[in-house]
Amino acid sequence: NKSTTAGDVLFYVPNLIGYLRVICTVLSLILMICFPQRWIIAIILYVSSFVGDLFDGIAARKFDQCSLFGGLLDMVTDRCSTTGLLCALSHEHTERPILVLLFTMLIILDISSHWSQMYFTSSFKQHHKSAEGNQNSFALVRWY
């Protein structure tokens, strides 16, 4: 058995899916903000990124390619995708301050809740998505 190198991890199947997710997210946000008339393509790209989120986890377990880098890539991509979408929606609704405030609060909630979940489970040396790390969590947290 050869040892796994950092270069190997960069080319793990779930990480390749993660890179595609980043590309889809960036392209979708560019279209949403700069070319809003292309909203159908933007939505397809954005949804593709989140479908990729399902498959990167499946691939990581199937190919035994779980890694700290992959977990970080997945989490950061999720947070950036959600934040980007909420910023694009804020940009679209600048004339309605209540919506801008709502989108801002959702960004804060998304980042702070994920940070809290990661912090508390890691303090017990557990993964934030593991059954052990979520056994006493609210049902919605366990599902998410």
Protein backbone atom coordinates (compact mmCIF):
# COMPACT_ATOMS: atom_id res chain seq x y z
CA ASN A 1 0.00 0.00 0.00
CA LYS A 2 1.36 3.37 -0.97
CA SER A 3 0.67 6.38 1.20
CA THR A 4 -1.72 9.06 -0.01
CA THR A 5 -0.16 12.36 -1.02
CA ALA A 6 -1.68 15.83 -1.11
CA GLY A 7 -1.58 15.58 -4.90
CA ASP A 8 -3.65 12.39 -4.74
CA VAL A 9 -6.27 14.11 -2.59
CA LEU A 10 -6.57 16.99 -5.07
CA PHE A 11 -7.68 14.50 -7.72
CA TYR A 12 -10.07 12.44 -5.61
CA VAL A 13 -13.36 11.94 -7.46
CA PRO A 14 -15.44 13.84 -4.87
CA ASN A 15 -13.02 16.77 -5.06
CA LEU A 16 -13.29 16.83 -8.86
CA ILE A 17 -17.07 17.02 -8.38
CA GLY A 18 -16.42 19.82 -5.88
CA TYR A 19 -14.40 21.79 -8.43
CA LEU A 20 -17.26 21.44 -10.93
CA ARG A 21 -19.63 22.70 -8.23
CA VAL A 22 -17.47 25.80 -7.76
CA ILE A 23 -17.44 26.46 -11.52
CA CYS A 24 -21.23 26.01 -11.75
CA THR A 25 -21.79 28.33 -8.79
CA VAL A 26 -19.50 31.07 -10.10
CA LEU A 27 -21.01 30.93 -13.58
CA SER A 28 -24.55 30.97 -12.18
CA LEU A 29 -23.81 34.03 -10.05
CA ILE A 30 -22.20 35.85 -12.98
CA LEU A 31 -25.31 35.17 -15.06
CA MET A 32 -27.69 36.16 -12.24
CA ILE A 33 -25.99 39.49 -11.62
CA CYS A 34 -24.52 40.52 -15.00
CA PHE A 35 -26.88 38.80 -17.44
CA PRO A 36 -30.24 38.43 -15.65
CA GLN A 37 -31.99 37.73 -18.97
CA ARG A 38 -30.13 34.37 -18.89
CA TRP A 39 -31.87 33.39 -15.65
CA ILE A 40 -32.85 29.90 -16.86
CA ILE A 41 -29.22 28.96 -17.51
CA ALA A 42 -28.27 30.54 -14.16
CA ILE A 43 -30.83 28.42 -12.32
CA ILE A 44 -29.74 25.24 -14.12
CA LEU A 45 -26.11 25.92 -13.16
CA TYR A 46 -27.01 26.75 -9.56
CA VAL A 47 -29.17 23.64 -9.15
CA SER A 48 -26.42 21.56 -10.80
CA SER A 49 -24.03 22.74 -8.10
CA PHE A 50 -26.37 21.54 -5.37
CA VAL A 51 -27.02 18.23 -7.14
CA GLY A 52 -23.24 17.85 -7.19
CA ASP A 53 -23.33 18.29 -3.41
CA LEU A 54 -25.33 15.07 -3.17
CA PHE A 55 -22.97 13.15 -5.43
CA ASP A 56 -19.67 14.29 -3.93
CA GLY A 57 -20.63 12.74 -0.60
CA ILE A 58 -21.78 9.53 -2.24
CA ALA A 59 -18.53 9.35 -4.24
CA ALA A 60 -16.42 10.04 -1.14
CA ARG A 61 -17.96 7.08 0.68
CA LYS A 62 -18.10 4.75 -2.34
CA PHE A 63 -14.44 5.27 -3.29
CA ASP A 64 -13.26 5.66 0.31
CA GLN A 65 -11.98 9.13 -0.59
CA CYS A 66 -13.09 11.16 2.42
CA SER A 67 -10.58 13.89 3.25
CA LEU A 68 -10.32 17.02 5.35
CA PHE A 69 -9.72 19.01 2.16
CA GLY A 70 -12.85 17.54 0.55
CA GLY A 71 -14.94 18.30 3.62
CA LEU A 72 -13.67 21.87 3.67
CA LEU A 73 -14.20 22.29 -0.08
CA ASP A 74 -17.77 21.00 0.30
CA MET A 75 -18.61 23.23 3.25
CA VAL A 76 -17.06 26.38 1.78
CA THR A 77 -18.75 25.77 -1.58
CA ASP A 78 -22.11 25.36 0.17
CA ARG A 79 -21.67 28.54 2.21
CA CYS A 80 -20.42 30.58 -0.78
CA SER A 81 -23.22 29.30 -3.02
CA THR A 82 -25.90 30.21 -0.52
CA THR A 83 -24.32 33.59 0.26
CA GLY A 84 -23.87 34.34 -3.44
CA LEU A 85 -27.50 33.52 -4.20
CA LEU A 86 -28.75 35.68 -1.33
CA CYS A 87 -26.50 38.55 -2.46
CA ALA A 88 -27.82 38.21 -6.02
CA LEU A 89 -31.38 38.29 -4.68
CA SER A 90 -30.52 41.38 -2.62
CA HIS A 91 -29.12 43.01 -5.76
CA GLU A 92 -32.35 42.20 -7.58
CA HIS A 93 -34.55 43.66 -4.81
CA THR A 94 -32.69 46.80 -3.73
CA GLU A 95 -35.95 48.79 -3.85
CA ARG A 96 -37.42 46.58 -1.08
CA PRO A 97 -35.27 47.05 2.05
CA ILE A 98 -37.22 44.43 4.00
CA LEU A 99 -36.13 41.77 1.49
CA VAL A 100 -32.51 42.97 1.60
CA LEU A 101 -32.68 42.71 5.40
CA LEU A 102 -34.22 39.22 5.16
CA PHE A 103 -31.51 38.01 2.77
CA THR A 104 -28.83 39.51 5.03
CA MET A 105 -30.27 37.77 8.09
CA LEU A 106 -30.39 34.47 6.17
CA ILE A 107 -26.69 34.85 5.30
CA ILE A 108 -25.87 35.45 8.96
CA LEU A 109 -28.01 32.49 10.06
CA ASP A 110 -26.49 30.15 7.46
CA ILE A 111 -22.87 30.97 8.31
CA SER A 112 -23.31 31.14 12.07
CA SER A 113 -25.35 27.93 12.33
CA HIS A 114 -22.87 25.95 10.26
CA TRP A 115 -19.92 27.36 12.15
CA SER A 116 -21.59 26.46 15.46
CA GLN A 117 -22.41 22.94 14.29
CA MET A 118 -18.85 22.40 13.06
CA TYR A 119 -17.32 23.83 16.22
CA PHE A 120 -19.38 21.81 18.68
CA THR A 121 -19.06 18.49 16.88
CA SER A 122 -15.33 18.95 16.31
CA SER A 123 -14.83 19.77 19.98
CA PHE A 124 -16.10 16.24 20.66
CA LYS A 125 -13.88 14.85 17.87
CA GLN A 126 -16.89 13.99 15.72
CA HIS A 127 -17.83 14.87 12.15
CA HIS A 128 -20.63 17.42 11.82
CA LYS A 129 -22.61 15.10 9.54
CA SER A 130 -22.06 11.86 11.47
CA ALA A 131 -24.84 10.09 13.36
CA GLU A 132 -22.79 10.39 16.57
CA GLY A 133 -22.28 14.11 16.08
CA ASN A 134 -26.00 14.69 15.62
CA GLN A 135 -27.62 12.14 17.92
CA ASN A 136 -29.01 14.78 20.31
CA SER A 137 -29.75 17.36 17.64
CA PHE A 138 -33.11 18.64 16.53
CA ALA A 139 -34.58 16.51 13.68
CA LEU A 140 -34.11 19.29 11.10
CA VAL A 141 -30.40 19.56 11.98
CA ARG A 142 -29.95 15.79 11.65
CA TRP A 143 -31.68 15.79 8.26
CA TYR A 144 -29.67 18.76 6.99
